[in-house]
């Protein structure tokens, strides 16, 4: 299985570190240096998650030089907070792209959804002989749900908006998938959520202000992540490398989701990588499950990938999911 084309859509509007500082009461230097946000895209009035995924899908098809009617499966990783509640998006993406004969799936592992989609796509290619082209596409604007007056959610101040897509094919050229690994931490299952709007606490005129991302027990979550987050990232990356037959010494590039600067550096140091072997997404914030797609596209455009480059993707999503993938560039990436 190969990644043949990448597509990204980013809203034009940006919010700066200084604006986030003004909204949160934090010093701008803390926003820039500790949280790692110089600026981030924020959505305009037409930038809905499914539409941003659609536009990214169009860009990915163009990059791969593959027509929409060649798509066999659409795997949607559009975020749960999207255009409409109780709504699936794979059919919408197929319809909008003109993928008239495609089958589809909607997947959600929060910010680790891309890794789940790669696992499902690998299974489809292994078991469905007719599958030749799979589109994975997502849109994200969870930045709408951030309360800058809630200090327990500072780690979410980087949430942004955008769309991302990847064209996967049975044959190359492109980035060949060699290994995947996944972890889950059930002890954090209830820690981060929007506490209203579901069946436990339906929306009503009195609780609309609570339709924001909240942390249930900030101290317990911090203690758990301080102990486990970086080690778990390293575990899944090493497991994916092991499945591929490599070690971290063989890595050329790491596409890592946006996180605070110190954590990003800790992952690189744990793998023995230099800072120029990854792109820190300080001007993009966190696009959720789309960060690895953005990082890969930027790396290709900046000449950091060449034929034979070994690449790892790594992400985590609240719940808590962790995932990693290892790919090798074979014959160029049309992105």
Protein backbone atom coordinates (compact mmCIF):
# COMPACT_ATOMS: atom_id res chain seq x y z
CA UNK A 1 0.00 0.00 0.00
CA UNK A 2 1.31 3.42 -1.03
CA UNK A 3 0.51 7.03 -0.22
CA UNK A 4 0.39 8.57 -3.70
CA UNK A 5 -0.91 12.10 -3.20
CA UNK A 6 -1.51 14.55 -0.36
CA UNK A 7 -3.93 17.44 -0.15
CA UNK A 8 -4.29 20.22 2.42
CA UNK A 9 -6.84 22.98 2.76
CA UNK A 10 -6.18 25.81 5.22
CA UNK A 11 -8.50 28.72 5.96
CA UNK A 12 -7.10 32.13 5.09
CA UNK A 13 -7.77 33.76 8.46
CA UNK A 14 -5.15 33.44 11.20
CA UNK A 15 -5.07 34.15 14.91
CA UNK A 16 -1.71 35.16 16.41
CA UNK A 17 0.06 34.29 19.63
CA UNK A 18 -0.62 37.82 20.80
CA UNK A 19 -4.36 37.43 20.20
CA UNK A 20 -4.43 34.10 22.06
CA UNK A 21 -2.50 35.76 24.89
CA UNK A 22 -5.05 38.56 25.07
CA UNK A 23 -7.92 36.06 25.21
CA UNK A 24 -6.31 33.80 27.81
CA UNK A 25 -4.39 36.17 30.05
CA UNK A 26 -1.13 34.32 29.34
CA UNK A 27 1.98 36.25 28.32
CA UNK A 28 2.49 36.15 24.55
CA UNK A 29 5.96 34.70 25.12
CA UNK A 30 4.43 31.71 26.92
CA UNK A 31 2.02 31.12 24.03
CA UNK A 32 4.86 31.27 21.49
CA UNK A 33 7.63 29.47 23.36
CA UNK A 34 5.94 27.05 25.75
CA UNK A 35 2.72 26.23 23.91
CA UNK A 36 4.49 26.56 20.58
CA UNK A 37 1.90 28.68 18.78
CA UNK A 38 3.13 31.54 16.60
CA UNK A 39 -0.17 31.60 14.73
CA UNK A 40 -2.87 29.18 13.66
CA UNK A 41 -5.64 29.07 11.03
CA UNK A 42 -9.19 29.74 12.14
CA UNK A 43 -12.28 29.06 10.06
CA UNK A 44 -14.21 31.50 7.96
CA UNK A 45 -18.02 31.30 7.64
CA UNK A 46 -17.86 28.67 4.86
CA UNK A 47 -15.08 26.54 6.36
CA UNK A 48 -17.12 23.57 7.58
CA UNK A 49 -15.29 20.31 8.41
CA UNK A 50 -16.78 18.13 5.65
CA UNK A 51 -16.26 20.84 3.03
CA UNK A 52 -12.65 21.36 4.10
CA UNK A 53 -12.14 17.59 3.77
CA UNK A 54 -13.73 17.71 0.33
CA UNK A 55 -11.44 20.51 -0.85
CA UNK A 56 -8.40 18.67 0.51
CA UNK A 57 -9.59 15.52 -1.27
CA UNK A 58 -9.77 17.40 -4.55
CA UNK A 59 -6.20 18.62 -4.03
CA UNK A 60 -4.97 15.10 -3.22
CA UNK A 61 -6.58 13.66 -6.36
CA UNK A 62 -4.96 16.37 -8.45
CA UNK A 63 -1.58 15.76 -6.82
CA UNK A 64 -1.82 12.02 -7.51
CA UNK A 65 -3.19 12.58 -11.04
CA UNK A 66 -6.02 10.14 -10.31
CA UNK A 67 -9.65 10.80 -11.36
CA UNK A 68 -12.37 10.76 -8.72
CA UNK A 69 -14.25 7.95 -10.45
CA UNK A 70 -11.23 5.69 -9.81
CA UNK A 71 -11.79 5.81 -6.03
CA UNK A 72 -12.93 2.43 -4.67
CA UNK A 73 -13.30 3.41 -1.00
CA UNK A 74 -13.70 6.67 0.87
CA UNK A 75 -12.55 6.56 4.48
CA UNK A 76 -13.73 9.71 6.22
CA UNK A 77 -11.88 10.96 9.27
CA UNK A 78 -13.91 14.17 9.46
CA UNK A 79 -14.02 15.18 13.11
CA UNK A 80 -17.05 14.36 15.28
CA UNK A 81 -17.70 18.09 15.72
CA UNK A 82 -18.79 18.82 12.17
CA UNK A 83 -21.33 20.42 9.84
CA UNK A 84 -24.32 18.57 11.34
CA UNK A 85 -24.73 16.29 14.37
CA UNK A 86 -25.68 12.63 13.89
CA UNK A 87 -24.39 12.71 10.31
CA UNK A 88 -21.94 10.60 8.31
CA UNK A 89 -19.55 12.21 5.88
CA UNK A 90 -18.06 9.50 3.63
CA UNK A 91 -21.17 9.59 1.38
CA UNK A 92 -20.99 13.41 1.24
CA UNK A 93 -17.33 13.30 0.24
CA UNK A 94 -17.96 10.68 -2.46
CA UNK A 95 -20.87 12.70 -3.82
CA UNK A 96 -18.95 15.98 -3.81
CA UNK A 97 -15.88 14.49 -5.45
CA UNK A 98 -17.76 12.52 -8.07
CA UNK A 99 -16.61 9.15 -6.73
CA UNK A 100 -19.85 7.60 -7.89
CA UNK A 101 -18.93 3.93 -7.43
CA UNK A 102 -17.02 4.23 -4.15
CA UNK A 103 -17.88 2.41 -0.95
CA UNK A 104 -17.27 4.25 2.31
CA UNK A 105 -16.57 4.27 6.04
CA UNK A 106 -16.57 6.92 8.75
CA UNK A 107 -13.88 6.52 11.43
CA UNK A 108 -13.21 8.44 14.64
CA UNK A 109 -10.26 8.04 16.99
CA UNK A 110 -10.00 11.79 17.56
CA UNK A 111 -6.50 13.02 16.70
CA UNK A 112 -5.22 9.47 16.08
CA UNK A 113 -7.85 8.81 13.40
CA UNK A 114 -5.33 8.82 10.53
CA UNK A 115 -3.52 5.83 12.05
CA UNK A 116 -6.80 3.95 12.37
CA UNK A 117 -7.64 4.80 8.77
CA UNK A 118 -4.28 3.45 7.57
CA UNK A 119 -4.92 0.22 9.48
CA UNK A 120 -8.36 -0.17 7.90
CA UNK A 121 -7.01 0.68 4.44
CA UNK A 122 -4.27 -1.93 4.80
CA UNK A 123 -6.94 -4.47 5.64
CA UNK A 124 -9.06 -3.46 2.66
CA UNK A 125 -6.15 -3.84 0.27
CA UNK A 126 -5.36 -7.25 1.80
CA UNK A 127 -8.90 -8.64 1.63
CA UNK A 128 -10.61 -6.82 -1.24
CA UNK A 129 -8.86 -7.65 -4.49
CA UNK A 130 -10.90 -5.08 -6.39
CA UNK A 131 -9.66 -2.23 -4.18
CA UNK A 132 -7.05 -0.19 -6.02
CA UNK A 133 -7.59 3.39 -4.82
CA UNK A 134 -8.65 4.58 -1.35
CA UNK A 135 -9.21 8.18 -0.32
CA UNK A 136 -8.68 9.13 3.34
CA UNK A 137 -9.95 12.64 4.06
CA UNK A 138 -10.80 14.71 7.10
CA UNK A 139 -11.81 18.16 8.21
CA UNK A 140 -11.24 19.70 11.61
CA UNK A 141 -12.30 22.82 13.52
CA UNK A 142 -12.31 21.83 17.17
CA UNK A 143 -10.71 25.19 17.84
CA UNK A 144 -14.31 26.41 18.08
CA UNK A 145 -14.63 24.43 21.31
CA UNK A 146 -11.68 25.99 23.16
CA UNK A 147 -12.40 28.17 26.18
CA UNK A 148 -9.39 30.46 26.55
CA UNK A 149 -10.57 31.40 30.04
CA UNK A 150 -10.19 27.80 31.25
CA UNK A 151 -6.58 27.25 32.35
CA UNK A 152 -7.05 23.47 32.62
CA UNK A 153 -7.39 23.32 28.83
CA UNK A 154 -4.25 25.28 27.93
CA UNK A 155 -2.90 22.25 26.12
CA UNK A 156 -5.85 22.68 23.72
CA UNK A 157 -5.18 26.34 22.88
CA UNK A 158 -3.40 25.15 19.71
CA UNK A 159 -6.56 23.60 18.22
CA UNK A 160 -7.04 25.06 14.75
CA UNK A 161 -9.00 24.43 11.54
CA UNK A 162 -8.33 22.84 8.17
CA UNK A 163 -8.73 19.85 5.89
CA UNK A 164 -6.36 17.07 4.87
CA UNK A 165 -6.45 14.09 2.53
CA UNK A 166 -4.30 11.25 1.25
CA UNK A 167 -4.72 9.05 -1.82
CA UNK A 168 -3.73 5.45 -1.09
CA UNK A 169 -3.06 2.98 -3.89
CA UNK A 170 -2.20 -0.70 -4.10
CA UNK A 171 0.82 0.03 -6.32
CA UNK A 172 3.49 2.74 -6.23
CA UNK A 173 5.26 5.02 -6.65
CA UNK A 174 4.86 6.86 -3.40
CA UNK A 175 5.31 6.25 0.30
CA UNK A 176 5.04 2.51 0.92
CA UNK A 177 3.44 1.58 4.25
CA UNK A 178 5.74 -0.82 6.11
CA UNK A 179 4.56 -0.82 9.72
CA UNK A 180 1.77 0.31 12.04
CA UNK A 181 1.34 0.30 15.81
CA UNK A 182 -1.41 1.36 18.21
CA UNK A 183 -1.91 1.89 21.94
CA UNK A 184 -4.87 2.88 24.09
CA UNK A 185 -4.94 4.24 27.66
CA UNK A 186 -8.41 3.57 29.12
CA UNK A 187 -7.53 5.33 32.40
CA UNK A 188 -8.01 8.62 30.53
CA UNK A 189 -11.28 7.61 28.87
CA UNK A 190 -13.40 10.34 30.49
CA UNK A 191 -10.83 13.04 31.06
CA UNK A 192 -11.37 15.27 28.00
CA UNK A 193 -14.81 15.81 26.53
CA UNK A 194 -17.59 18.30 25.84
CA UNK A 195 -19.72 17.65 28.95
CA UNK A 196 -23.06 18.72 27.47
CA UNK A 197 -24.94 17.99 24.27
CA UNK A 198 -25.12 14.21 24.61
CA UNK A 199 -27.65 11.90 26.20
CA UNK A 200 -26.23 12.32 29.72
CA UNK A 201 -26.65 16.09 29.67
CA UNK A 202 -28.71 17.26 26.69
CA UNK A 203 -28.31 20.81 25.49
CA UNK A 204 -30.70 23.32 26.99
CA UNK A 205 -30.79 27.12 27.25
CA UNK A 206 -29.03 26.97 30.60
CA UNK A 207 -25.93 24.98 29.63
CA UNK A 208 -24.96 26.32 26.19
CA UNK A 209 -21.88 28.02 27.64
CA UNK A 210 -20.58 24.58 28.69
CA UNK A 211 -20.52 23.32 25.11
CA UNK A 212 -16.74 23.54 25.22
CA UNK A 213 -13.92 21.07 25.71
CA UNK A 214 -13.35 20.46 29.42
CA UNK A 215 -10.96 18.39 31.52
CA UNK A 216 -12.65 16.31 34.22
CA UNK A 217 -9.68 15.99 36.59
CA UNK A 218 -6.79 18.21 35.42
CA UNK A 219 -4.29 17.17 38.09
CA UNK A 220 -4.84 13.44 37.57
CA UNK A 221 -4.58 13.81 33.82
CA UNK A 222 -1.39 15.84 34.06
CA UNK A 223 0.22 13.30 36.37
CA UNK A 224 -0.75 10.42 34.10
CA UNK A 225 0.47 12.09 30.91
CA UNK A 226 3.69 13.28 32.54
CA UNK A 227 4.46 9.63 33.30
CA UNK A 228 3.17 7.97 30.17
CA UNK A 229 2.85 10.26 27.16
CA UNK A 230 6.41 10.48 25.84
CA UNK A 231 7.24 6.82 26.66
CA UNK A 232 4.09 5.70 24.83
CA UNK A 233 4.92 7.77 21.76
CA UNK A 234 8.36 6.17 21.69
CA UNK A 235 6.86 2.69 22.16
CA UNK A 236 4.46 2.92 19.23
CA UNK A 237 7.06 4.45 16.92
CA UNK A 238 9.56 1.72 17.80
CA UNK A 239 6.93 -1.00 17.38
CA UNK A 240 6.00 0.30 13.93
CA UNK A 241 9.69 0.50 13.04
CA UNK A 242 10.18 -3.07 14.26
CA UNK A 243 7.34 -4.35 12.08
CA UNK A 244 8.99 -2.59 9.16
CA UNK A 245 12.36 -4.15 9.98
CA UNK A 246 14.09 -0.93 11.05
CA UNK A 247 15.16 0.96 14.17
CA UNK A 248 15.07 4.65 15.04
CA UNK A 249 18.65 4.96 13.77
CA UNK A 250 17.27 4.41 10.26
CA UNK A 251 14.69 7.21 10.41
CA UNK A 252 15.07 10.18 8.11
CA UNK A 253 11.96 12.14 9.07
CA UNK A 254 9.29 12.19 11.78
CA UNK A 255 5.84 13.66 11.04
CA UNK A 256 4.60 14.42 14.52
CA UNK A 257 1.39 16.10 15.63
CA UNK A 258 1.66 19.56 17.12
CA UNK A 259 2.35 19.55 20.86
CA UNK A 260 4.13 21.88 23.26
CA UNK A 261 7.75 22.53 22.29
CA UNK A 262 9.31 20.62 25.18
CA UNK A 263 7.31 17.47 24.36
CA UNK A 264 8.21 17.67 20.67
CA UNK A 265 11.89 17.93 21.56
CA UNK A 266 11.59 15.05 24.04
CA UNK A 267 10.23 12.72 21.35
CA UNK A 268 13.01 13.70 18.94
CA UNK A 269 15.66 13.24 21.62
CA UNK A 270 14.19 9.87 22.62
CA UNK A 271 14.61 8.68 19.04
CA UNK A 272 18.02 10.26 18.56
CA UNK A 273 16.72 12.61 15.86
CA UNK A 274 17.86 16.14 15.07
CA UNK A 275 15.39 19.02 15.06
CA UNK A 276 15.79 19.36 11.27
CA UNK A 277 14.40 15.82 10.89
CA UNK A 278 10.93 17.04 11.81
CA UNK A 279 8.86 20.16 11.15
CA UNK A 280 7.41 21.89 14.19
CA UNK A 281 3.97 23.15 13.23
CA UNK A 282 4.19 26.44 15.13
CA UNK A 283 2.46 28.40 12.34
CA UNK A 284 -0.36 25.91 11.93
CA UNK A 285 -1.34 24.85 15.44
CA UNK A 286 -2.99 21.48 15.83
CA UNK A 287 -5.20 20.23 13.01
CA UNK A 288 -6.07 17.10 14.95
CA UNK A 289 -5.76 13.90 12.94
CA UNK A 290 -4.53 15.90 9.93
CA UNK A 291 -1.19 17.01 11.41
CA UNK A 292 0.82 14.08 9.97
CA UNK A 293 -0.59 14.76 6.48
CA UNK A 294 0.36 18.43 6.75
CA UNK A 295 3.82 17.59 8.08
CA UNK A 296 4.46 15.13 5.24
CA UNK A 297 3.35 17.61 2.61
CA UNK A 298 5.54 20.36 4.06
CA UNK A 299 8.51 17.97 4.26
CA UNK A 300 8.11 17.03 0.58
CA UNK A 301 7.77 20.65 -0.49
CA UNK A 302 10.83 21.67 1.55
CA UNK A 303 13.00 18.90 0.07
CA UNK A 304 13.37 16.92 3.29
CA UNK A 305 12.26 13.69 1.62
CA UNK A 306 14.09 11.88 -1.15
CA UNK A 307 13.83 8.49 -2.80
CA UNK A 308 14.49 5.87 -0.11
CA UNK A 309 13.69 8.14 2.85
CA UNK A 310 12.28 6.31 5.86
CA UNK A 311 9.47 8.26 7.50
CA UNK A 312 7.50 7.78 10.72
CA UNK A 313 4.11 9.33 11.50
CA UNK A 314 2.96 9.61 15.10
CA UNK A 315 -0.19 10.95 16.72
CA UNK A 316 -2.35 10.75 19.82
CA UNK A 317 -6.01 11.45 20.44
CA UNK A 318 -7.96 12.04 23.63
CA UNK A 319 -9.57 8.90 24.89
CA UNK A 320 -6.58 8.04 24.92
CA UNK A 321 -5.27 6.67 21.62
CA UNK A 322 -1.70 6.59 20.33
CA UNK A 323 -0.63 5.46 16.88
CA UNK A 324 2.39 5.36 14.60
CA UNK A 325 3.13 4.40 11.01
CA UNK A 326 6.37 3.83 9.16
CA UNK A 327 6.69 4.41 5.41
CA UNK A 328 9.49 4.45 2.85
CA UNK A 329 9.54 6.73 -0.18
CA UNK A 330 9.85 4.74 -3.37
CA UNK A 331 10.02 6.58 -6.67
CA UNK A 332 8.81 10.01 -5.55
CA UNK A 333 5.74 11.50 -3.95
CA UNK A 334 3.37 13.48 -6.10
CA UNK A 335 2.16 15.89 -3.42
